[in-house]
PDB file of N, CA and C in Angstrom:
ATOM      1  N   MET A   1       0.801  -1.015  -0.174  1.00  0.00           N
ATOM      2  CA  MET A   1       0.111  -0.098   0.121  1.00  0.00           C
ATOM      3  C   MET A   1       1.096   1.219   0.262  1.00  0.00           C
ATOM      4  N   TYR A   2       0.526   2.377  -0.753  1.00  0.00           N
ATOM      5  CA  TYR A   2       1.294   3.366  -0.877  1.00  0.00           C
ATOM      6  C   TYR A   2       0.153   4.474  -0.868  1.00  0.00           C
ATOM      7  N   THR A   3       1.083   5.673  -0.406  1.00  0.00           N
ATOM      8  CA  THR A   3       0.010   6.949  -0.200  1.00  0.00           C
ATOM      9  C   THR A   3      -0.595   7.468  -1.746  1.00  0.00           C
ATOM     10  N   GLU A   4       0.498   7.490  -2.623  1.00  0.00           N
ATOM     11  CA  GLU A   4       0.125   7.585  -4.050  1.00  0.00           C
ATOM     12  C   GLU A   4       1.009   6.992  -4.890  1.00  0.00           C
ATOM     13  N   ASN A   5       1.261   7.108  -6.252  1.00  0.00           N
ATOM     14  CA  ASN A   5       2.112   6.668  -7.145  1.00  0.00           C
ATOM     15  C   ASN A   5       3.292   7.639  -6.633  1.00  0.00           C
ATOM     16  N   GLN A   6       3.376   8.454  -6.071  1.00  0.00           N
ATOM     17  CA  GLN A   6       4.864   9.213  -6.186  1.00  0.00           C
ATOM     18  C   GLN A   6       5.550   8.756  -4.696  1.00  0.00           C
ATOM     19  N   HIS A   7       4.639   8.297  -3.689  1.00  0.00           N
ATOM     20  CA  HIS A   7       5.071   7.437  -2.986  1.00  0.00           C
ATOM     21  C   HIS A   7       5.799   6.070  -3.311  1.00  0.00           C
ATOM     22  N   ARG A   8       5.474   5.721  -3.961  1.00  0.00           N
ATOM     23  CA  ARG A   8       5.726   4.325  -4.746  1.00  0.00           C
ATOM     24  C   ARG A   8       7.299   4.372  -5.643  1.00  0.00           C
ATOM     25  N   LYS A   9       7.057   5.361  -6.383  1.00  0.00           N
ATOM     26  CA  LYS A   9       8.440   5.782  -7.137  1.00  0.00           C
ATOM     27  C   LYS A   9       9.645   6.190  -6.131  1.00  0.00           C
ATOM     28  N   ILE A  10       9.180   7.146  -5.211  1.00  0.00           N
ATOM     29  CA  ILE A  10      10.359   7.479  -4.286  1.00  0.00           C
ATOM     30  C   ILE A  10      10.845   6.294  -3.422  1.00  0.00           C
ATOM     31  N   PHE A  11       9.928   5.492  -2.942  1.00  0.00           N
ATOM     32  CA  PHE A  11      10.348   4.369  -1.864  1.00  0.00           C
ATOM     33  C   PHE A  11      11.473   3.169  -2.931  1.00  0.00           C
ATOM     34  N   GLU A  12      10.500   2.980  -4.063  1.00  0.00           N
ATOM     35  CA  GLU A  12      11.385   2.137  -4.601  1.00  0.00           C
ATOM     36  C   GLU A  12      12.763   2.804  -5.538  1.00  0.00           C
ATOM     37  N   GLN A  13      13.184   4.007  -5.679  1.00  0.00           N
ATOM     38  CA  GLN A  13      14.307   4.560  -6.131  1.00  0.00           C
ATOM     39  C   GLN A  13      15.145   4.488  -4.956  1.00  0.00           C
ATOM     40  N   VAL A  14      14.913   4.526  -3.890  1.00  0.00           N
ATOM     41  CA  VAL A  14      15.597   4.934  -2.497  1.00  0.00           C
ATOM     42  C   VAL A  14      16.107   3.780  -2.041  1.00  0.00           C
ATOM     43  N   ILE A  15      15.362   2.432  -2.216  1.00  0.00           N
ATOM     44  CA  ILE A  15      15.592   1.207  -2.025  1.00  0.00           C
ATOM     45  C   ILE A  15      16.681   0.221  -2.742  1.00  0.00           C
ATOM     46  N   ASP A  16      16.422   0.911  -3.940  1.00  0.00           N
ATOM     47  CA  ASP A  16      17.198   0.183  -5.194  1.00  0.00           C
ATOM     48  C   ASP A  16      18.919   0.326  -4.930  1.00  0.00           C
ATOM     49  N   ARG A  17      19.032   1.408  -4.145  1.00  0.00           N
ATOM     50  CA  ARG A  17      20.597   1.798  -3.768  1.00  0.00           C
ATOM     51  C   ARG A  17      20.919   1.144  -2.158  1.00  0.00           C
ATOM     52  N   MET A  18      19.939   0.540  -1.562  1.00  0.00           N
ATOM     53  CA  MET A  18      20.100   0.248  -0.250  1.00  0.00           C
ATOM     54  C   MET A  18      20.411  -1.159  -0.082  1.00  0.00           C
ATOM     55  N   ASN A  19      20.977  -1.433   1.431  1.00  0.00           N
ATOM     56  CA  ASN A  19      20.944  -2.904   1.739  1.00  0.00           C
ATOM     57  C   ASN A  19      19.607  -3.208   2.152  1.00  0.00           C
ATOM     58  N   GLN A  20      18.882  -4.197   0.826  1.00  0.00           N
ATOM     59  CA  GLN A  20      17.450  -4.487   1.233  1.00  0.00           C
ATOM     60  C   GLN A  20      17.711  -5.912   1.847  1.00  0.00           C
ATOM     61  N   LYS A  21      18.667  -6.325   2.532  1.00  0.00           N
ATOM     62  CA  LYS A  21      18.728  -7.407   3.774  1.00  0.00           C
ATOM     63  C   LYS A  21      18.342  -7.064   4.928  1.00  0.00           C
ATOM     64  N   ASN A  22      18.262  -5.519   5.396  1.00  0.00           N
ATOM     65  CA  ASN A  22      17.911  -5.084   6.269  1.00  0.00           C
ATOM     66  C   ASN A  22      16.579  -4.622   6.342  1.00  0.00           C
ATOM     67  N   ARG A  23      15.453  -5.631   6.489  1.00  0.00           N
ATOM     68  CA  ARG A  23      14.096  -5.312   6.812  1.00  0.00           C
ATOM     69  C   ARG A  23      13.392  -4.122   7.570  1.00  0.00           C
ATOM     70  N   ASN A  24      14.381  -3.956   8.557  1.00  0.00           N
ATOM     71  CA  ASN A  24      14.250  -2.952   9.514  1.00  0.00           C
ATOM     72  C   ASN A  24      14.585  -1.249   8.912  1.00  0.00           C
ATOM     73  N   LEU A  25      15.325  -1.294   8.022  1.00  0.00           N
ATOM     74  CA  LEU A  25      15.903  -0.312   7.265  1.00  0.00           C
ATOM     75  C   LEU A  25      14.623   0.121   6.421  1.00  0.00           C
ATOM     76  N   LEU A  26      14.316  -0.914   5.127  1.00  0.00           N
ATOM     77  CA  LEU A  26      13.591  -0.800   4.430  1.00  0.00           C
ATOM     78  C   LEU A  26      12.260  -0.431   4.830  1.00  0.00           C
ATOM     79  N   ALA A  27      11.728  -0.986   6.096  1.00  0.00           N
ATOM     80  CA  ALA A  27      10.178  -0.510   6.807  1.00  0.00           C
ATOM     81  C   ALA A  27      10.171   0.813   7.143  1.00  0.00           C
ATOM     82  N   THR A  28      11.365   1.227   7.622  1.00  0.00           N
ATOM     83  CA  THR A  28      11.866   2.672   8.067  1.00  0.00           C
ATOM     84  C   THR A  28      11.549   3.745   6.927  1.00  0.00           C
ATOM     85  N   VAL A  29      12.193   3.130   5.785  1.00  0.00           N
ATOM     86  CA  VAL A  29      12.344   4.189   4.633  1.00  0.00           C
ATOM     87  C   VAL A  29      10.648   4.427   3.945  1.00  0.00           C
ATOM     88  N   TYR A  30      10.330   3.137   4.207  1.00  0.00           N
ATOM     89  CA  TYR A  30       8.541   3.116   3.573  1.00  0.00           C
ATOM     90  C   TYR A  30       7.778   4.273   4.258  1.00  0.00           C
ATOM     91  N   LEU A  31       8.088   4.306   5.485  1.00  0.00           N
ATOM     92  CA  LEU A  31       7.585   5.356   6.294  1.00  0.00           C
ATOM     93  C   LEU A  31       7.762   6.762   5.812  1.00  0.00           C
ATOM     94  N   LEU A  32       9.205   7.075   6.037  1.00  0.00           N
ATOM     95  CA  LEU A  32       9.771   8.265   5.377  1.00  0.00           C
ATOM     96  C   LEU A  32       9.265   8.628   4.127  1.00  0.00           C
ATOM     97  N   THR A  33       9.494   7.917   3.397  1.00  0.00           N
ATOM     98  CA  THR A  33       9.224   8.095   1.976  1.00  0.00           C
ATOM     99  C   THR A  33       7.403   8.476   1.763  1.00  0.00           C
ATOM    100  N   ALA A  34       6.715   8.060   2.578  1.00  0.00           N
ATOM    101  CA  ALA A  34       4.923   8.046   2.556  1.00  0.00           C
ATOM    102  C   ALA A  34       4.594   9.774   2.583  1.00  0.00           C
ATOM    103  N   GLU A  35       5.314  10.546   3.117  1.00  0.00           N
ATOM    104  CA  GLU A  35       4.948  12.162   3.082  1.00  0.00           C
ATOM    105  C   GLU A  35       5.881  12.797   2.512  1.00  0.00           C
ATOM    106  N   PRO A  36       5.644  13.800   1.392  1.00  0.00           N
ATOM    107  CA  PRO A  36       7.127  14.455   0.739  1.00  0.00           C
ATOM    108  C   PRO A  36       7.623  15.510   2.023  1.00  0.00           C
ATOM    109  N   SER A  37       6.693  15.901   2.903  1.00  0.00           N
ATOM    110  CA  SER A  37       7.482  16.871   3.757  1.00  0.00           C
ATOM    111  C   SER A  37       8.364  16.001   4.770  1.00  0.00           C
ATOM    112  N   ILE A  38       8.077  14.670   5.187  1.00  0.00           N
ATOM    113  CA  ILE A  38       8.926  13.873   5.838  1.00  0.00           C
ATOM    114  C   ILE A  38      10.384  13.724   4.997  1.00  0.00           C
ATOM    115  N   TRP A  39       9.853  13.186   3.803  1.00  0.00           N
ATOM    116  CA  TRP A  39      11.022  12.850   3.090  1.00  0.00           C
ATOM    117  C   TRP A  39      12.318  13.915   2.825  1.00  0.00           C
ATOM    118  N   GLN A  40      11.865  15.036   2.497  1.00  0.00           N
ATOM    119  CA  GLN A  40      12.478  16.355   2.500  1.00  0.00           C
ATOM    120  C   GLN A  40      13.405  16.556   3.458  1.00  0.00           C
ATOM    121  N   ILE A  41      12.833  16.465   5.013  1.00  0.00           N
ATOM    122  CA  ILE A  41      13.855  16.404   5.982  1.00  0.00           C
ATOM    123  C   ILE A  41      14.828  15.160   5.975  1.00  0.00           C
ATOM    124  N   ALA A  42      14.491  13.928   5.565  1.00  0.00           N
ATOM    125  CA  ALA A  42      15.114  12.758   6.079  1.00  0.00           C
ATOM    126  C   ALA A  42      15.951  12.396   4.908  1.00  0.00           C
ATOM    127  N   SER A  43      15.584  12.603   3.816  1.00  0.00           N
ATOM    128  CA  SER A  43      16.466  12.075   2.559  1.00  0.00           C
ATOM    129  C   SER A  43      18.201  12.328   2.779  1.00  0.00           C
ATOM    130  N   ALA A  44      18.415  13.466   3.128  1.00  0.00           N
ATOM    131  CA  ALA A  44      20.032  13.842   3.099  1.00  0.00           C
ATOM    132  C   ALA A  44      20.684  12.985   4.368  1.00  0.00           C
ATOM    133  N   ARG A  45      19.693  12.307   5.145  1.00  0.00           N
ATOM    134  CA  ARG A  45      20.219  11.498   6.494  1.00  0.00           C
ATOM    135  C   ARG A  45      20.119   9.830   6.301  1.00  0.00           C
ATOM    136  N   VAL A  46      19.718   9.452   4.925  1.00  0.00           N
ATOM    137  CA  VAL A  46      19.546   8.356   4.608  1.00  0.00           C
ATOM    138  C   VAL A  46      20.512   7.453   4.061  1.00  0.00           C
ATOM    139  N   THR A  47      21.573   6.693   4.253  1.00  0.00           N
ATOM    140  CA  THR A  47      22.376   6.119   3.416  1.00  0.00           C
ATOM    141  C   THR A  47      22.442   4.678   3.079  1.00  0.00           C
ATOM    142  N   ARG A  48      23.065   3.788   2.166  1.00  0.00           N
ATOM    143  CA  ARG A  48      23.002   2.712   2.045  1.00  0.00           C
ATOM    144  C   ARG A  48      22.297   1.625   3.219  1.00  0.00           C
ATOM    145  N   ASP A  49      23.174   1.926   4.513  1.00  0.00           N
ATOM    146  CA  ASP A  49      22.934   0.847   5.636  1.00  0.00           C
ATOM    147  C   ASP A  49      22.353   1.613   6.841  1.00  0.00           C
ATOM    148  N   SER A  50      21.841   2.853   6.689  1.00  0.00           N
ATOM    149  CA  SER A  50      21.829   3.499   8.029  1.00  0.00           C
ATOM    150  C   SER A  50      20.958   5.041   7.745  1.00  0.00           C
ATOM    151  N   ILE A  51      20.273   5.363   9.035  1.00  0.00           N
ATOM    152  CA  ILE A  51      19.395   6.316   9.167  1.00  0.00           C
ATOM    153  C   ILE A  51      19.944   7.374  10.291  1.00  0.00           C
ATOM    154  N   ASP A  52      20.351   8.487   9.867  1.00  0.00           N
ATOM    155  CA  ASP A  52      20.769   9.233  11.132  1.00  0.00           C
ATOM    156  C   ASP A  52      19.864  10.215  11.779  1.00  0.00           C
ATOM    157  N   PHE A  53      18.717   9.873  12.472  1.00  0.00           N
ATOM    158  CA  PHE A  53      17.803  10.377  12.932  1.00  0.00           C
ATOM    159  C   PHE A  53      18.141  11.680  13.762  1.00  0.00           C
ATOM    160  N   GLU A  54      19.301  11.265  14.693  1.00  0.00           N
ATOM    161  CA  GLU A  54      19.824  12.496  15.336  1.00  0.00           C
ATOM    162  C   GLU A  54      19.941  13.626  14.832  1.00  0.00           C
ATOM    163  N   ASN A  55      20.664  13.835  13.613  1.00  0.00           N
ATOM    164  CA  ASN A  55      20.596  14.996  12.936  1.00  0.00           C
ATOM    165  C   ASN A  55      19.803  15.347  11.832  1.00  0.00           C
ATOM    166  N   MET A  56      18.391  15.027  12.123  1.00  0.00           N
ATOM    167  CA  MET A  56      17.530  15.576  11.357  1.00  0.00           C
ATOM    168  C   MET A  56      17.007  16.847  11.957  1.00  0.00           C
ATOM    169  N   SER A  57      16.460  17.579  11.456  1.00  0.00           N
ATOM    170  CA  SER A  57      15.998  18.991  12.321  1.00  0.00           C
ATOM    171  C   SER A  57      14.338  19.002  11.436  1.00  0.00           C
ATOM    172  N   LEU A  58      13.451  18.512  12.220  1.00  0.00           N
ATOM    173  CA  LEU A  58      12.226  18.636  11.885  1.00  0.00           C
ATOM    174  C   LEU A  58      11.336  19.735  11.434  1.00  0.00           C
ATOM    175  N   GLY A  59      12.035  20.874  11.789  1.00  0.00           N
ATOM    176  CA  GLY A  59      11.076  22.159  11.077  1.00  0.00           C
ATOM    177  C   GLY A  59       9.667  22.115  11.672  1.00  0.00           C
ATOM    178  N   SER A  60       8.704  22.237  10.800  1.00  0.00           N
ATOM    179  CA  SER A  60       7.441  22.392  11.479  1.00  0.00           C
ATOM    180  C   SER A  60       5.964  21.446  10.363  1.00  0.00           C
ATOM    181  N   LEU A  61       6.535  20.086  11.251  1.00  0.00           N
ATOM    182  CA  LEU A  61       5.612  19.180  10.832  1.00  0.00           C
ATOM    183  C   LEU A  61       4.232  19.162  11.414  1.00  0.00           C
ATOM    184  N   LYS A  62       3.521  18.898  10.526  1.00  0.00           N
ATOM    185  CA  LYS A  62       2.057  18.800  10.945  1.00  0.00           C
ATOM    186  C   LYS A  62       1.985  17.747  12.028  1.00  0.00           C
ATOM    187  N   PRO A  63       0.773  17.610  12.872  1.00  0.00           N
ATOM    188  CA  PRO A  63       0.602  16.601  13.968  1.00  0.00           C
ATOM    189  C   PRO A  63       0.827  15.297  13.431  1.00  0.00           C
ATOM    190  N   THR A  64       0.235  15.300  12.318  1.00  0.00           N
ATOM    191  CA  THR A  64      -0.186  13.622  11.640  1.00  0.00           C
ATOM    192  C   THR A  64       1.506  13.562  11.043  1.00  0.00           C
ATOM    193  N   GLU A  65       1.957  14.225  10.678  1.00  0.00           N
ATOM    194  CA  GLU A  65       3.302  13.891   9.841  1.00  0.00           C
ATOM    195  C   GLU A  65       4.117  13.638  10.995  1.00  0.00           C
ATOM    196  N   TYR A  66       4.372  14.316  12.135  1.00  0.00           N
ATOM    197  CA  TYR A  66       5.231  14.074  13.323  1.00  0.00           C
ATOM    198  C   TYR A  66       4.907  12.734  13.517  1.00  0.00           C
ATOM    199  N   THR A  67       3.849  12.242  13.824  1.00  0.00           N
ATOM    200  CA  THR A  67       3.307  11.058  14.070  1.00  0.00           C
ATOM    201  C   THR A  67       3.757  10.050  13.575  1.00  0.00           C
ATOM    202  N   LEU A  68       3.753  10.053  12.251  1.00  0.00           N
ATOM    203  CA  LEU A  68       4.468   9.058  11.254  1.00  0.00           C
ATOM    204  C   LEU A  68       5.728   9.145  11.361  1.00  0.00           C
ATOM    205  N   PHE A  69       6.410  10.326  11.415  1.00  0.00           N
ATOM    206  CA  PHE A  69       8.033  10.515  11.641  1.00  0.00           C
ATOM    207  C   PHE A  69       8.374   9.757  12.913  1.00  0.00           C
ATOM    208  N   ALA A  70       7.600   9.815  14.093  1.00  0.00           N
ATOM    209  CA  ALA A  70       8.118   9.347  15.278  1.00  0.00           C
ATOM    210  C   ALA A  70       7.780   7.747  15.402  1.00  0.00           C
ATOM    211  N   VAL A  71       6.946   7.477  14.324  1.00  0.00           N
ATOM    212  CA  VAL A  71       6.746   5.863  14.246  1.00  0.00           C
ATOM    213  C   VAL A  71       7.787   5.240  13.598  1.00  0.00           C
ATOM    214  N   ALA A  72       8.405   5.858  12.735  1.00  0.00           N
ATOM    215  CA  ALA A  72       9.311   5.740  12.019  1.00  0.00           C
ATOM    216  C   ALA A  72      11.065   5.341  13.002  1.00  0.00           C
ATOM    217  N   LYS A  73      10.745   6.400  13.492  1.00  0.00           N
ATOM    218  CA  LYS A  73      12.170   6.626  14.488  1.00  0.00           C
ATOM    219  C   LYS A  73      12.082   5.415  15.549  1.00  0.00           C
ATOM    220  N   ASP A  74      10.676   5.006  16.178  1.00  0.00           N
ATOM    221  CA  ASP A  74      10.803   4.055  16.869  1.00  0.00           C
ATOM    222  C   ASP A  74      10.859   2.834  16.271  1.00  0.00           C
ATOM    223  N   LEU A  75      10.508   2.830  15.134  1.00  0.00           N
ATOM    224  CA  LEU A  75      10.816   1.249  14.378  1.00  0.00           C
ATOM    225  C   LEU A  75      12.340   1.247  14.307  1.00  0.00           C
ATOM    226  N   TYR A  76      12.663   1.891  13.766  1.00  0.00           N
ATOM    227  CA  TYR A  76      14.193   2.269  13.468  1.00  0.00           C
ATOM    228  C   TYR A  76      15.324   2.086  14.512  1.00  0.00           C
ATOM    229  N   CYS A  77      15.163   2.995  15.700  1.00  0.00           N
ATOM    230  CA  CYS A  77      15.718   3.354  16.717  1.00  0.00           C
ATOM    231  C   CYS A  77      15.561   2.491  18.330  1.00  0.00           C
ATOM    232  N   GLY A  78      14.366   2.295  18.131  1.00  0.00           N
ATOM    233  CA  GLY A  78      13.866   1.482  19.539  1.00  0.00           C
ATOM    234  C   GLY A  78      13.209   2.388  20.316  1.00  0.00           C
ATOM    235  N   THR A  79      13.211   3.673  19.786  1.00  0.00           N
ATOM    236  CA  THR A  79      12.458   4.476  20.936  1.00  0.00           C
ATOM    237  C   THR A  79      11.181   4.425  21.305  1.00  0.00           C
ATOM    238  N   GLU A  80      10.392   5.065  22.319  1.00  0.00           N
ATOM    239  CA  GLU A  80       8.989   4.860  22.555  1.00  0.00           C
ATOM    240  C   GLU A  80       8.713   6.095  22.334  1.00  0.00           C
ATOM    241  N   LEU A  81       8.508   6.990  21.321  1.00  0.00           N
ATOM    242  CA  LEU A  81       7.819   8.336  21.143  1.00  0.00           C
ATOM    243  C   LEU A  81       6.198   8.137  20.774  1.00  0.00           C
ATOM    244  N   VAL A  82       6.052   7.006  20.445  1.00  0.00           N
ATOM    245  CA  VAL A  82       4.535   6.891  20.214  1.00  0.00           C
ATOM    246  C   VAL A  82       3.752   5.872  20.966  1.00  0.00           C
ATOM    247  N   SER A  83       2.774   6.034  21.548  1.00  0.00           N
ATOM    248  CA  SER A  83       2.367   4.965  22.189  1.00  0.00           C
ATOM    249  C   SER A  83       1.329   4.010  21.665  1.00  0.00           C
ATOM    250  N   ILE A  84       0.781   3.117  22.082  1.00  0.00           N
ATOM    251  CA  ILE A  84      -0.316   2.199  21.313  1.00  0.00           C
ATOM    252  C   ILE A  84      -1.686   3.268  21.581  1.00  0.00           C
ATOM    253  N   SER A  85      -1.642   4.006  22.493  1.00  0.00           N
ATOM    254  CA  SER A  85      -3.136   4.692  22.409  1.00  0.00           C
ATOM    255  C   SER A  85      -2.904   5.987  21.439  1.00  0.00           C
ATOM    256  N   ASP A  86      -1.699   6.220  21.248  1.00  0.00           N
ATOM    257  CA  ASP A  86      -1.552   7.518  20.090  1.00  0.00           C
ATOM    258  C   ASP A  86      -1.729   6.531  18.824  1.00  0.00           C
ATOM    259  N   LEU A  87      -1.491   5.449  18.579  1.00  0.00           N
ATOM    260  CA  LEU A  87      -1.656   4.553  17.242  1.00  0.00           C
ATOM    261  C   LEU A  87      -3.053   4.671  16.920  1.00  0.00           C
ATOM    262  N   ALA A  88      -3.809   4.328  18.210  1.00  0.00           N
ATOM    263  CA  ALA A  88      -5.283   4.434  17.998  1.00  0.00           C
ATOM    264  C   ALA A  88      -6.062   5.692  18.052  1.00  0.00           C
ATOM    265  N   ASN A  89      -5.330   6.695  18.105  1.00  0.00           N
ATOM    266  CA  ASN A  89      -6.111   8.228  18.049  1.00  0.00           C
ATOM    267  C   ASN A  89      -5.923   8.723  16.489  1.00  0.00           C
ATOM    268  N   ARG A  90      -7.253   8.541  16.163  1.00  0.00           N
ATOM    269  CA  ARG A  90      -7.672   8.951  14.752  1.00  0.00           C
ATOM    270  C   ARG A  90      -7.063  10.757  14.362  1.00  0.00           C
ATOM    271  N   ASN A  91      -7.066  11.352  15.114  1.00  0.00           N
ATOM    272  CA  ASN A  91      -6.593  12.627  14.913  1.00  0.00           C
ATOM    273  C   ASN A  91      -4.998  12.491  14.726  1.00  0.00           C
ATOM    274  N   LEU A  92      -4.546  11.631  15.492  1.00  0.00           N
ATOM    275  CA  LEU A  92      -2.833  11.755  15.093  1.00  0.00           C
ATOM    276  C   LEU A  92      -2.553  10.866  13.977  1.00  0.00           C
ATOM    277  N   LEU A  93      -3.464   9.789  13.771  1.00  0.00           N
ATOM    278  CA  LEU A  93      -2.888   8.766  12.862  1.00  0.00           C
ATOM    279  C   LEU A  93      -4.183   8.348  12.226  1.00  0.00           C
ATOM    280  N   PRO A  94      -4.489   9.014  10.855  1.00  0.00           N
ATOM    281  CA  PRO A  94      -5.666   8.886  10.033  1.00  0.00           C
ATOM    282  C   PRO A  94      -5.641   7.493   9.706  1.00  0.00           C
ATOM    283  N   GLU A  95      -6.891   7.026   9.275  1.00  0.00           N
ATOM    284  CA  GLU A  95      -6.990   5.772   8.921  1.00  0.00           C
ATOM    285  C   GLU A  95      -5.906   5.143   7.894  1.00  0.00           C
ATOM    286  N   GLU A  96      -5.627   6.182   6.453  1.00  0.00           N
ATOM    287  CA  GLU A  96      -4.592   5.856   5.550  1.00  0.00           C
ATOM    288  C   GLU A  96      -3.123   5.889   6.129  1.00  0.00           C
ATOM    289  N   LEU A  97      -2.959   6.593   7.256  1.00  0.00           N
ATOM    290  CA  LEU A  97      -1.487   6.454   7.656  1.00  0.00           C
ATOM    291  C   LEU A  97      -1.456   5.408   8.676  1.00  0.00           C
ATOM    292  N   PHE A  98      -2.472   4.944   9.273  1.00  0.00           N
ATOM    293  CA  PHE A  98      -2.437   3.701  10.172  1.00  0.00           C
ATOM    294  C   PHE A  98      -2.249   2.395   9.125  1.00  0.00           C
ATOM    295  N   ARG A  99      -2.818   2.496   8.202  1.00  0.00           N
ATOM    296  CA  ARG A  99      -2.628   1.139   7.388  1.00  0.00           C
ATOM    297  C   ARG A  99      -0.993   1.102   6.619  1.00  0.00           C
ATOM    298  N   LEU A 100      -0.619   2.617   6.483  1.00  0.00           N
ATOM    299  CA  LEU A 100       1.088   2.572   6.278  1.00  0.00           C
ATOM    300  C   LEU A 100       1.614   2.019   7.284  1.00  0.00           C
ATOM    301  N   VAL A 101       1.344   2.406   8.602  1.00  0.00           N
ATOM    302  CA  VAL A 101       2.316   1.857   9.702  1.00  0.00           C
ATOM    303  C   VAL A 101       1.945   0.283   9.612  1.00  0.00           C
ATOM    304  N   CYS A 102       1.062  -0.232   9.623  1.00  0.00           N
ATOM    305  CA  CYS A 102       0.836  -1.781   9.622  1.00  0.00           C
ATOM    306  C   CYS A 102       1.534  -2.529   8.474  1.00  0.00           C
ATOM    307  N   SER A 103       1.496  -1.753   7.477  1.00  0.00           N
ATOM    308  CA  SER A 103       2.401  -2.413   5.882  1.00  0.00           C
ATOM    309  C   SER A 103       3.914  -1.909   6.471  1.00  0.00           C
ATOM    310  N   ALA A 104       4.281  -1.261   7.116  1.00  0.00           N
ATOM    311  CA  ALA A 104       5.721  -0.818   7.717  1.00  0.00           C
ATOM    312  C   ALA A 104       5.975  -2.054   8.346  1.00  0.00           C
ATOM    313  N   LEU A 105       4.951  -2.582   9.528  1.00  0.00           N
ATOM    314  CA  LEU A 105       5.427  -3.333  10.084  1.00  0.00           C
ATOM    315  C   LEU A 105       5.812  -4.934   9.509  1.00  0.00           C
ATOM    316  N   CYS A 106       4.659  -4.939   8.347  1.00  0.00           N
ATOM    317  CA  CYS A 106       4.546  -6.371   7.843  1.00  0.00           C
ATOM    318  C   CYS A 106       5.896  -6.308   7.291  1.00  0.00           C
ATOM    319  N   ILE A 107       6.821  -5.134   6.506  1.00  0.00           N
ATOM    320  CA  ILE A 107       7.925  -5.294   5.657  1.00  0.00           C
ATOM    321  C   ILE A 107       8.930  -5.519   6.860  1.00  0.00           C
ATOM    322  N   GLY A 108       8.925  -4.866   8.007  1.00  0.00           N
ATOM    323  CA  GLY A 108       9.834  -5.271   9.096  1.00  0.00           C
ATOM    324  C   GLY A 108       9.939  -6.620   9.436  1.00  0.00           C
ATOM    325  N   ARG A 109       8.793  -7.539   9.142  1.00  0.00           N
ATOM    326  CA  ARG A 109       8.833  -8.622   9.484  1.00  0.00           C
ATOM    327  C   ARG A 109       9.072  -9.504   8.210  1.00  0.00           C
ATOM    328  N   HIS A 110       8.523  -9.237   6.830  1.00  0.00           N
ATOM    329  CA  HIS A 110       8.746 -10.157   5.757  1.00  0.00           C
ATOM    330  C   HIS A 110       9.533  -9.595   4.801  1.00  0.00           C
ATOM    331  N   GLY A 111       9.825  -8.292   4.630  1.00  0.00           N
ATOM    332  CA  GLY A 111      10.374  -7.874   3.651  1.00  0.00           C
ATOM    333  C   GLY A 111       9.443  -7.198   2.748  1.00  0.00           C
ATOM    334  N   LYS A 112      10.272  -6.406   1.646  1.00  0.00           N
ATOM    335  CA  LYS A 112       9.746  -5.746   0.554  1.00  0.00           C
ATOM    336  C   LYS A 112       8.267  -6.512   0.133  1.00  0.00           C
ATOM    337  N   LYS A 113       8.616  -7.923   0.150  1.00  0.00           N
ATOM    338  CA  LYS A 113       7.694  -8.585  -0.820  1.00  0.00           C
ATOM    339  C   LYS A 113       6.162  -8.418  -0.603  1.00  0.00           C
ATOM    340  N   VAL A 114       5.870  -8.199   0.730  1.00  0.00           N
ATOM    341  CA  VAL A 114       4.345  -7.899   1.155  1.00  0.00           C
ATOM    342  C   VAL A 114       3.946  -6.653   0.240  1.00  0.00           C
ATOM    343  N   LEU A 115       4.714  -5.910  -0.008  1.00  0.00           N
ATOM    344  CA  LEU A 115       4.103  -4.816  -1.083  1.00  0.00           C
ATOM    345  C   LEU A 115       3.701  -5.192  -2.452  1.00  0.00           C
ATOM    346  N   GLU A 116       4.084  -6.374  -2.951  1.00  0.00           N
ATOM    347  CA  GLU A 116       3.927  -6.945  -4.118  1.00  0.00           C
ATOM    348  C   GLU A 116       2.738  -7.937  -4.302  1.00  0.00           C
ATOM    349  N   GLU A 117       2.168  -8.489  -2.740  1.00  0.00           N
ATOM    350  CA  GLU A 117       1.135  -9.136  -2.675  1.00  0.00           C
ATOM    351  C   GLU A 117      -0.004  -8.528  -2.987  1.00  0.00           C
TER     352      GLU A 117
END
């Protein structure tokens, strides 16, 4: 599941030059590329093998964008910025973004092949 064709295009371009054996990395990039505003912040900090969250300047993200960014950071870094109740809050994570989070978790467990099914 992708937010739009642009999400799919950017995600596929980015992962083509990444270590695709690292499912956690792929899942995180999937979330970071979902929103153009997030990707604009993150793109310079993503390398073939890692993501440097510590040196990202968030600027002015909308609450839903920040929540998606925080889920990506939690997934990659093991932080706990987003709680289960946050995930259940439709104001912080609308249905479409909730589905993205679920897809990212599936990528983290099974790899990018889940997007092809």
